[in-house]
PDB file of N, CA and C in Angstrom:
ATOM      1  N   UNK A   1     -54.692 212.034  59.839  1.00  0.00           N
ATOM      2  CA  UNK A   1     -53.571 211.135  59.706  1.00  0.00           C
ATOM      3  C   UNK A   1     -52.583 211.719  58.700  1.00  0.00           C
ATOM      4  N   UNK A   2     -51.360 211.915  59.111  1.00  0.00           N
ATOM      5  CA  UNK A   2     -50.315 212.477  58.261  1.00  0.00           C
ATOM      6  C   UNK A   2     -49.695 211.362  57.422  1.00  0.00           C
ATOM      7  N   UNK A   3     -49.623 211.584  56.113  1.00  0.00           N
ATOM      8  CA  UNK A   3     -49.045 210.607  55.196  1.00  0.00           C
ATOM      9  C   UNK A   3     -47.567 210.882  54.923  1.00  0.00           C
ATOM     10  N   UNK A   4     -47.184 212.171  54.856  1.00  0.00           N
ATOM     11  CA  UNK A   4     -45.782 212.489  54.605  1.00  0.00           C
ATOM     12  C   UNK A   4     -45.453 213.849  55.195  1.00  0.00           C
ATOM     13  N   UNK A   5     -44.160 214.022  55.509  1.00  0.00           N
ATOM     14  CA  UNK A   5     -43.680 215.284  56.057  1.00  0.00           C
ATOM     15  C   UNK A   5     -42.344 215.633  55.405  1.00  0.00           C
ATOM     16  N   UNK A   6     -42.012 216.915  55.463  1.00  0.00           N
ATOM     17  CA  UNK A   6     -40.705 217.403  55.031  1.00  0.00           C
ATOM     18  C   UNK A   6     -40.304 218.490  56.018  1.00  0.00           C
ATOM     19  N   UNK A   7     -39.009 218.619  56.264  1.00  0.00           N
ATOM     20  CA  UNK A   7     -38.505 219.553  57.252  1.00  0.00           C
ATOM     21  C   UNK A   7     -37.297 220.284  56.689  1.00  0.00           C
ATOM     22  N   UNK A   8     -37.213 221.592  56.951  1.00  0.00           N
ATOM     23  CA  UNK A   8     -36.052 222.390  56.569  1.00  0.00           C
ATOM     24  C   UNK A   8     -35.919 223.514  57.574  1.00  0.00           C
ATOM     25  N   UNK A   9     -34.888 224.324  57.418  1.00  0.00           N
ATOM     26  CA  UNK A   9     -34.707 225.497  58.268  1.00  0.00           C
ATOM     27  C   UNK A   9     -34.978 226.757  57.470  1.00  0.00           C
ATOM     28  N   UNK A  10     -35.609 227.741  58.104  1.00  0.00           N
ATOM     29  CA  UNK A  10     -35.822 229.036  57.475  1.00  0.00           C
ATOM     30  C   UNK A  10     -34.447 229.670  57.302  1.00  0.00           C
ATOM     31  N   UNK A  11     -34.086 230.090  56.083  1.00  0.00           N
ATOM     32  CA  UNK A  11     -32.747 230.644  55.847  1.00  0.00           C
ATOM     33  C   UNK A  11     -32.407 231.789  56.799  1.00  0.00           C
ATOM     34  N   UNK A  12     -31.195 231.745  57.324  1.00  0.00           N
ATOM     35  CA  UNK A  12     -30.707 232.792  58.207  1.00  0.00           C
ATOM     36  C   UNK A  12     -31.235 232.741  59.625  1.00  0.00           C
ATOM     37  N   UNK A  13     -31.939 231.660  59.974  1.00  0.00           N
ATOM     38  CA  UNK A  13     -32.498 231.534  61.327  1.00  0.00           C
ATOM     39  C   UNK A  13     -32.211 230.133  61.869  1.00  0.00           C
ATOM     40  N   UNK A  14     -32.587 229.928  63.098  1.00  0.00           N
ATOM     41  CA  UNK A  14     -32.539 228.606  63.718  1.00  0.00           C
ATOM     42  C   UNK A  14     -33.926 227.958  63.738  1.00  0.00           C
ATOM     43  N   UNK A  15     -34.904 228.588  63.075  1.00  0.00           N
ATOM     44  CA  UNK A  15     -36.286 228.099  63.092  1.00  0.00           C
ATOM     45  C   UNK A  15     -36.507 227.048  62.014  1.00  0.00           C
ATOM     46  N   UNK A  16     -37.192 225.998  62.379  1.00  0.00           N
ATOM     47  CA  UNK A  16     -37.529 224.931  61.437  1.00  0.00           C
ATOM     48  C   UNK A  16     -38.840 225.261  60.733  1.00  0.00           C
ATOM     49  N   UNK A  17     -38.956 224.770  59.502  1.00  0.00           N
ATOM     50  CA  UNK A  17     -40.192 224.861  58.738  1.00  0.00           C
ATOM     51  C   UNK A  17     -40.623 223.438  58.412  1.00  0.00           C
ATOM     52  N   UNK A  18     -41.878 223.133  58.671  1.00  0.00           N
ATOM     53  CA  UNK A  18     -42.409 221.791  58.506  1.00  0.00           C
ATOM     54  C   UNK A  18     -43.548 221.806  57.492  1.00  0.00           C
ATOM     55  N   UNK A  19     -43.521 220.866  56.577  1.00  0.00           N
ATOM     56  CA  UNK A  19     -44.644 220.646  55.662  1.00  0.00           C
ATOM     57  C   UNK A  19     -45.231 219.278  55.999  1.00  0.00           C
ATOM     58  N   UNK A  20     -46.531 219.214  56.162  1.00  0.00           N
ATOM     59  CA  UNK A  20     -47.204 217.956  56.480  1.00  0.00           C
ATOM     60  C   UNK A  20     -48.402 217.810  55.556  1.00  0.00           C
ATOM     61  N   UNK A  21     -48.590 216.592  55.055  1.00  0.00           N
ATOM     62  CA  UNK A  21     -49.702 216.354  54.134  1.00  0.00           C
ATOM     63  C   UNK A  21     -50.346 215.012  54.450  1.00  0.00           C
ATOM     64  N   UNK A  22     -51.617 214.922  54.093  1.00  0.00           N
ATOM     65  CA  UNK A  22     -52.333 213.667  54.314  1.00  0.00           C
ATOM     66  C   UNK A  22     -53.329 213.466  53.195  1.00  0.00           C
ATOM     67  N   UNK A  23     -54.331 212.679  53.451  1.00  0.00           N
ATOM     68  CA  UNK A  23     -55.300 212.324  52.425  1.00  0.00           C
ATOM     69  C   UNK A  23     -56.317 213.428  52.141  1.00  0.00           C
ATOM     70  N   UNK A  24     -56.183 214.599  52.784  1.00  0.00           N
ATOM     71  CA  UNK A  24     -57.107 215.706  52.512  1.00  0.00           C
ATOM     72  C   UNK A  24     -56.680 216.541  51.309  1.00  0.00           C
ATOM     73  N   UNK A  25     -55.594 216.119  50.619  1.00  0.00           N
ATOM     74  CA  UNK A  25     -55.077 216.775  49.413  1.00  0.00           C
ATOM     75  C   UNK A  25     -54.410 218.123  49.691  1.00  0.00           C
ATOM     76  N   UNK A  26     -54.284 218.514  50.941  1.00  0.00           N
ATOM     77  CA  UNK A  26     -53.671 219.789  51.310  1.00  0.00           C
ATOM     78  C   UNK A  26     -52.273 219.579  51.879  1.00  0.00           C
ATOM     79  N   UNK A  27     -51.444 220.607  51.741  1.00  0.00           N
ATOM     80  CA  UNK A  27     -50.134 220.637  52.385  1.00  0.00           C
ATOM     81  C   UNK A  27     -50.193 221.739  53.426  1.00  0.00           C
ATOM     82  N   UNK A  28     -49.901 221.402  54.658  1.00  0.00           N
ATOM     83  CA  UNK A  28     -49.943 222.358  55.755  1.00  0.00           C
ATOM     84  C   UNK A  28     -48.516 222.755  56.102  1.00  0.00           C
ATOM     85  N   UNK A  29     -48.252 224.072  56.135  1.00  0.00           N
ATOM     86  CA  UNK A  29     -46.928 224.606  56.438  1.00  0.00           C
ATOM     87  C   UNK A  29     -46.953 225.200  57.847  1.00  0.00           C
ATOM     88  N   UNK A  30     -45.972 224.809  58.656  1.00  0.00           N
ATOM     89  CA  UNK A  30     -45.842 225.335  60.015  1.00  0.00           C
ATOM     90  C   UNK A  30     -44.401 225.762  60.235  1.00  0.00           C
ATOM     91  N   UNK A  31     -44.225 226.825  61.027  1.00  0.00           N
ATOM     92  CA  UNK A  31     -42.898 227.356  61.344  1.00  0.00           C
ATOM     93  C   UNK A  31     -42.712 227.293  62.857  1.00  0.00           C
ATOM     94  N   UNK A  32     -41.509 226.920  63.275  1.00  0.00           N
ATOM     95  CA  UNK A  32     -41.184 226.815  64.690  1.00  0.00           C
ATOM     96  C   UNK A  32     -40.931 228.197  65.280  1.00  0.00           C
ATOM     97  N   UNK A  33     -41.563 228.453  66.419  1.00  0.00           N
ATOM     98  CA  UNK A  33     -41.333 229.685  67.181  1.00  0.00           C
ATOM     99  C   UNK A  33     -41.609 229.372  68.642  1.00  0.00           C
ATOM    100  N   UNK A  34     -40.706 229.743  69.501  1.00  0.00           N
ATOM    101  CA  UNK A  34     -40.859 229.506  70.945  1.00  0.00           C
ATOM    102  C   UNK A  34     -41.081 228.028  71.253  1.00  0.00           C
ATOM    103  N   UNK A  35     -40.319 227.163  70.592  1.00  0.00           N
ATOM    104  CA  UNK A  35     -40.354 225.713  70.794  1.00  0.00           C
ATOM    105  C   UNK A  35     -41.691 225.059  70.449  1.00  0.00           C
ATOM    106  N   UNK A  36     -42.492 225.731  69.625  1.00  0.00           N
ATOM    107  CA  UNK A  36     -43.748 225.173  69.136  1.00  0.00           C
ATOM    108  C   UNK A  36     -43.832 225.415  67.635  1.00  0.00           C
ATOM    109  N   UNK A  37     -44.606 224.587  66.952  1.00  0.00           N
ATOM    110  CA  UNK A  37     -44.855 224.808  65.531  1.00  0.00           C
ATOM    111  C   UNK A  37     -46.198 225.511  65.365  1.00  0.00           C
ATOM    112  N   UNK A  38     -46.179 226.583  64.562  1.00  0.00           N
ATOM    113  CA  UNK A  38     -47.365 227.387  64.316  1.00  0.00           C
ATOM    114  C   UNK A  38     -47.736 227.281  62.842  1.00  0.00           C
ATOM    115  N   UNK A  39     -48.974 226.911  62.578  1.00  0.00           N
ATOM    116  CA  UNK A  39     -49.433 226.789  61.199  1.00  0.00           C
ATOM    117  C   UNK A  39     -49.495 228.179  60.568  1.00  0.00           C
ATOM    118  N   UNK A  40     -48.855 228.310  59.393  1.00  0.00           N
ATOM    119  CA  UNK A  40     -48.826 229.600  58.707  1.00  0.00           C
ATOM    120  C   UNK A  40     -49.530 229.570  57.356  1.00  0.00           C
ATOM    121  N   UNK A  41     -49.740 228.379  56.800  1.00  0.00           N
ATOM    122  CA  UNK A  41     -50.391 228.296  55.483  1.00  0.00           C
ATOM    123  C   UNK A  41     -50.887 226.882  55.214  1.00  0.00           C
ATOM    124  N   UNK A  42     -51.867 226.804  54.332  1.00  0.00           N
ATOM    125  CA  UNK A  42     -52.318 225.533  53.763  1.00  0.00           C
ATOM    126  C   UNK A  42     -52.296 225.700  52.253  1.00  0.00           C
ATOM    127  N   UNK A  43     -51.643 224.784  51.575  1.00  0.00           N
ATOM    128  CA  UNK A  43     -51.502 224.861  50.124  1.00  0.00           C
ATOM    129  C   UNK A  43     -52.466 223.882  49.473  1.00  0.00           C
ATOM    130  N   UNK A  44     -53.289 224.387  48.576  1.00  0.00           N
ATOM    131  CA  UNK A  44     -54.218 223.524  47.852  1.00  0.00           C
ATOM    132  C   UNK A  44     -53.844 223.537  46.372  1.00  0.00           C
ATOM    133  N   UNK A  45     -54.126 222.466  45.698  1.00  0.00           N
ATOM    134  CA  UNK A  45     -53.813 222.377  44.281  1.00  0.00           C
ATOM    135  C   UNK A  45     -53.772 220.945  43.790  1.00  0.00           C
ATOM    136  N   UNK A  46     -53.438 220.030  44.676  1.00  0.00           N
ATOM    137  CA  UNK A  46     -53.468 218.621  44.288  1.00  0.00           C
ATOM    138  C   UNK A  46     -54.903 218.113  44.314  1.00  0.00           C
ATOM    139  N   UNK A  47     -55.192 217.177  43.430  1.00  0.00           N
ATOM    140  CA  UNK A  47     -56.543 216.632  43.325  1.00  0.00           C
ATOM    141  C   UNK A  47     -56.681 215.257  43.982  1.00  0.00           C
ATOM    142  N   UNK A  48     -55.602 214.769  44.565  1.00  0.00           N
ATOM    143  CA  UNK A  48     -55.623 213.489  45.269  1.00  0.00           C
ATOM    144  C   UNK A  48     -54.575 213.585  46.379  1.00  0.00           C
ATOM    145  N   UNK A  49     -54.432 212.561  47.180  1.00  0.00           N
ATOM    146  CA  UNK A  49     -53.570 212.637  48.353  1.00  0.00           C
ATOM    147  C   UNK A  49     -52.105 212.828  47.973  1.00  0.00           C
ATOM    148  N   UNK A  50     -51.402 213.589  48.801  1.00  0.00           N
ATOM    149  CA  UNK A  50     -49.990 213.915  48.588  1.00  0.00           C
ATOM    150  C   UNK A  50     -49.145 212.751  49.081  1.00  0.00           C
ATOM    151  N   UNK A  51     -48.249 212.285  48.215  1.00  0.00           N
ATOM    152  CA  UNK A  51     -47.451 211.097  48.517  1.00  0.00           C
ATOM    153  C   UNK A  51     -46.037 211.419  48.996  1.00  0.00           C
ATOM    154  N   UNK A  52     -45.460 212.531  48.509  1.00  0.00           N
ATOM    155  CA  UNK A  52     -44.056 212.807  48.800  1.00  0.00           C
ATOM    156  C   UNK A  52     -43.810 214.305  48.707  1.00  0.00           C
ATOM    157  N   UNK A  53     -42.872 214.806  49.542  1.00  0.00           N
ATOM    158  CA  UNK A  53     -42.492 216.218  49.511  1.00  0.00           C
ATOM    159  C   UNK A  53     -41.011 216.352  49.841  1.00  0.00           C
ATOM    160  N   UNK A  54     -40.406 217.443  49.319  1.00  0.00           N
ATOM    161  CA  UNK A  54     -39.010 217.720  49.623  1.00  0.00           C
ATOM    162  C   UNK A  54     -38.750 219.218  49.480  1.00  0.00           C
ATOM    163  N   UNK A  55     -37.997 219.781  50.425  1.00  0.00           N
ATOM    164  CA  UNK A  55     -37.602 221.186  50.380  1.00  0.00           C
ATOM    165  C   UNK A  55     -36.247 221.334  49.714  1.00  0.00           C
ATOM    166  N   UNK A  56     -36.015 222.504  49.102  1.00  0.00           N
ATOM    167  CA  UNK A  56     -34.697 222.896  48.622  1.00  0.00           C
ATOM    168  C   UNK A  56     -34.553 224.397  48.857  1.00  0.00           C
ATOM    169  N   UNK A  57     -33.360 224.816  49.308  1.00  0.00           N
ATOM    170  CA  UNK A  57     -33.056 226.231  49.478  1.00  0.00           C
ATOM    171  C   UNK A  57     -32.109 226.649  48.366  1.00  0.00           C
ATOM    172  N   UNK A  58     -32.506 227.669  47.622  1.00  0.00           N
ATOM    173  CA  UNK A  58     -31.709 228.159  46.514  1.00  0.00           C
ATOM    174  C   UNK A  58     -30.637 229.126  47.000  1.00  0.00           C
ATOM    175  N   UNK A  59     -29.658 229.412  46.141  1.00  0.00           N
ATOM    176  CA  UNK A  59     -28.607 230.376  46.488  1.00  0.00           C
ATOM    177  C   UNK A  59     -29.182 231.747  46.830  1.00  0.00           C
ATOM    178  N   UNK A  60     -30.326 232.078  46.250  1.00  0.00           N
ATOM    179  CA  UNK A  60     -30.994 233.354  46.510  1.00  0.00           C
ATOM    180  C   UNK A  60     -31.709 233.375  47.857  1.00  0.00           C
ATOM    181  N   UNK A  61     -31.654 232.254  48.587  1.00  0.00           N
ATOM    182  CA  UNK A  61     -32.312 232.052  49.884  1.00  0.00           C
ATOM    183  C   UNK A  61     -33.817 231.823  49.766  1.00  0.00           C
ATOM    184  N   UNK A  62     -34.320 231.698  48.550  1.00  0.00           N
ATOM    185  CA  UNK A  62     -35.710 231.271  48.378  1.00  0.00           C
ATOM    186  C   UNK A  62     -35.808 229.795  48.757  1.00  0.00           C
ATOM    187  N   UNK A  63     -36.931 229.414  49.335  1.00  0.00           N
ATOM    188  CA  UNK A  63     -37.170 228.017  49.687  1.00  0.00           C
ATOM    189  C   UNK A  63     -38.309 227.499  48.816  1.00  0.00           C
ATOM    190  N   UNK A  64     -38.054 226.393  48.121  1.00  0.00           N
ATOM    191  CA  UNK A  64     -39.062 225.747  47.295  1.00  0.00           C
ATOM    192  C   UNK A  64     -39.451 224.417  47.927  1.00  0.00           C
ATOM    193  N   UNK A  65     -40.700 224.043  47.736  1.00  0.00           N
ATOM    194  CA  UNK A  65     -41.191 222.747  48.169  1.00  0.00           C
ATOM    195  C   UNK A  65     -41.709 222.025  46.929  1.00  0.00           C
ATOM    196  N   UNK A  66     -41.193 220.841  46.689  1.00  0.00           N
ATOM    197  CA  UNK A  66     -41.711 219.991  45.610  1.00  0.00           C
ATOM    198  C   UNK A  66     -42.633 218.964  46.242  1.00  0.00           C
ATOM    199  N   UNK A  67     -43.786 218.765  45.624  1.00  0.00           N
ATOM    200  CA  UNK A  67     -44.733 217.772  46.128  1.00  0.00           C
ATOM    201  C   UNK A  67     -45.237 216.928  44.969  1.00  0.00           C
ATOM    202  N   UNK A  68     -45.458 215.659  45.268  1.00  0.00           N
ATOM    203  CA  UNK A  68     -46.061 214.766  44.279  1.00  0.00           C
ATOM    204  C   UNK A  68     -47.303 214.144  44.899  1.00  0.00           C
ATOM    205  N   UNK A  69     -48.231 213.822  44.033  1.00  0.00           N
ATOM    206  CA  UNK A  69     -49.524 213.361  44.515  1.00  0.00           C
ATOM    207  C   UNK A  69     -49.995 212.139  43.738  1.00  0.00           C
ATOM    208  N   UNK A  70     -50.973 211.483  44.308  1.00  0.00           N
ATOM    209  CA  UNK A  70     -51.623 210.365  43.640  1.00  0.00           C
ATOM    210  C   UNK A  70     -52.317 210.829  42.359  1.00  0.00           C
ATOM    211  N   UNK A  71     -52.510 212.145  42.190  1.00  0.00           N
ATOM    212  CA  UNK A  71     -53.107 212.678  40.961  1.00  0.00           C
ATOM    213  C   UNK A  71     -52.112 212.693  39.792  1.00  0.00           C
ATOM    214  N   UNK A  72     -50.902 212.173  40.027  1.00  0.00           N
ATOM    215  CA  UNK A  72     -49.836 212.041  39.032  1.00  0.00           C
ATOM    216  C   UNK A  72     -49.254 213.379  38.605  1.00  0.00           C
ATOM    217  N   UNK A  73     -49.308 214.354  39.505  1.00  0.00           N
ATOM    218  CA  UNK A  73     -48.734 215.664  39.230  1.00  0.00           C
ATOM    219  C   UNK A  73     -47.653 215.971  40.263  1.00  0.00           C
ATOM    220  N   UNK A  74     -46.656 216.710  39.801  1.00  0.00           N
ATOM    221  CA  UNK A  74     -45.623 217.257  40.679  1.00  0.00           C
ATOM    222  C   UNK A  74     -45.806 218.763  40.682  1.00  0.00           C
ATOM    223  N   UNK A  75     -45.825 219.333  41.849  1.00  0.00           N
ATOM    224  CA  UNK A  75     -45.992 220.789  41.968  1.00  0.00           C
ATOM    225  C   UNK A  75     -44.797 221.375  42.695  1.00  0.00           C
ATOM    226  N   UNK A  76     -44.407 222.576  42.271  1.00  0.00           N
ATOM    227  CA  UNK A  76     -43.359 223.349  42.946  1.00  0.00           C
ATOM    228  C   UNK A  76     -44.009 224.548  43.599  1.00  0.00           C
ATOM    229  N   UNK A  77     -43.700 224.740  44.873  1.00  0.00           N
ATOM    230  CA  UNK A  77     -44.272 225.827  45.654  1.00  0.00           C
ATOM    231  C   UNK A  77     -43.131 226.708  46.167  1.00  0.00           C
ATOM    232  N   UNK A  78     -43.228 228.001  46.005  1.00  0.00           N
ATOM    233  CA  UNK A  78     -42.270 228.922  46.612  1.00  0.00           C
ATOM    234  C   UNK A  78     -42.839 229.275  47.977  1.00  0.00           C
ATOM    235  N   UNK A  79     -42.200 228.759  49.030  1.00  0.00           N
ATOM    236  CA  UNK A  79     -42.771 228.907  50.370  1.00  0.00           C
ATOM    237  C   UNK A  79     -42.042 229.939  51.211  1.00  0.00           C
ATOM    238  N   UNK A  80     -40.893 230.437  50.724  1.00  0.00           N
ATOM    239  CA  UNK A  80     -40.174 231.476  51.467  1.00  0.00           C
ATOM    240  C   UNK A  80     -39.301 232.242  50.500  1.00  0.00           C
ATOM    241  N   UNK A  81     -39.363 233.584  50.582  1.00  0.00           N
ATOM    242  CA  UNK A  81     -38.456 234.420  49.776  1.00  0.00           C
ATOM    243  C   UNK A  81     -38.005 235.614  50.552  1.00  0.00           C
TER     244      UNK A  81
END
């Protein structure tokens, strides 16, 4: 069961990047290719379920993902450079 999702575009492409999280404490990253989403990574680090996520693309074209969890921590992940 997915609790939260975030969506952005891979810089310089038409491909979407999706982050999905649920009560397993993991964030799953998938990238769109050929009209399908392909899982490329699972991020671990939270000790409780992930409540919220948001992407930001920096001027350098790096993509960061901010996530907050029931463990009362906010984590920043560099998911594309």
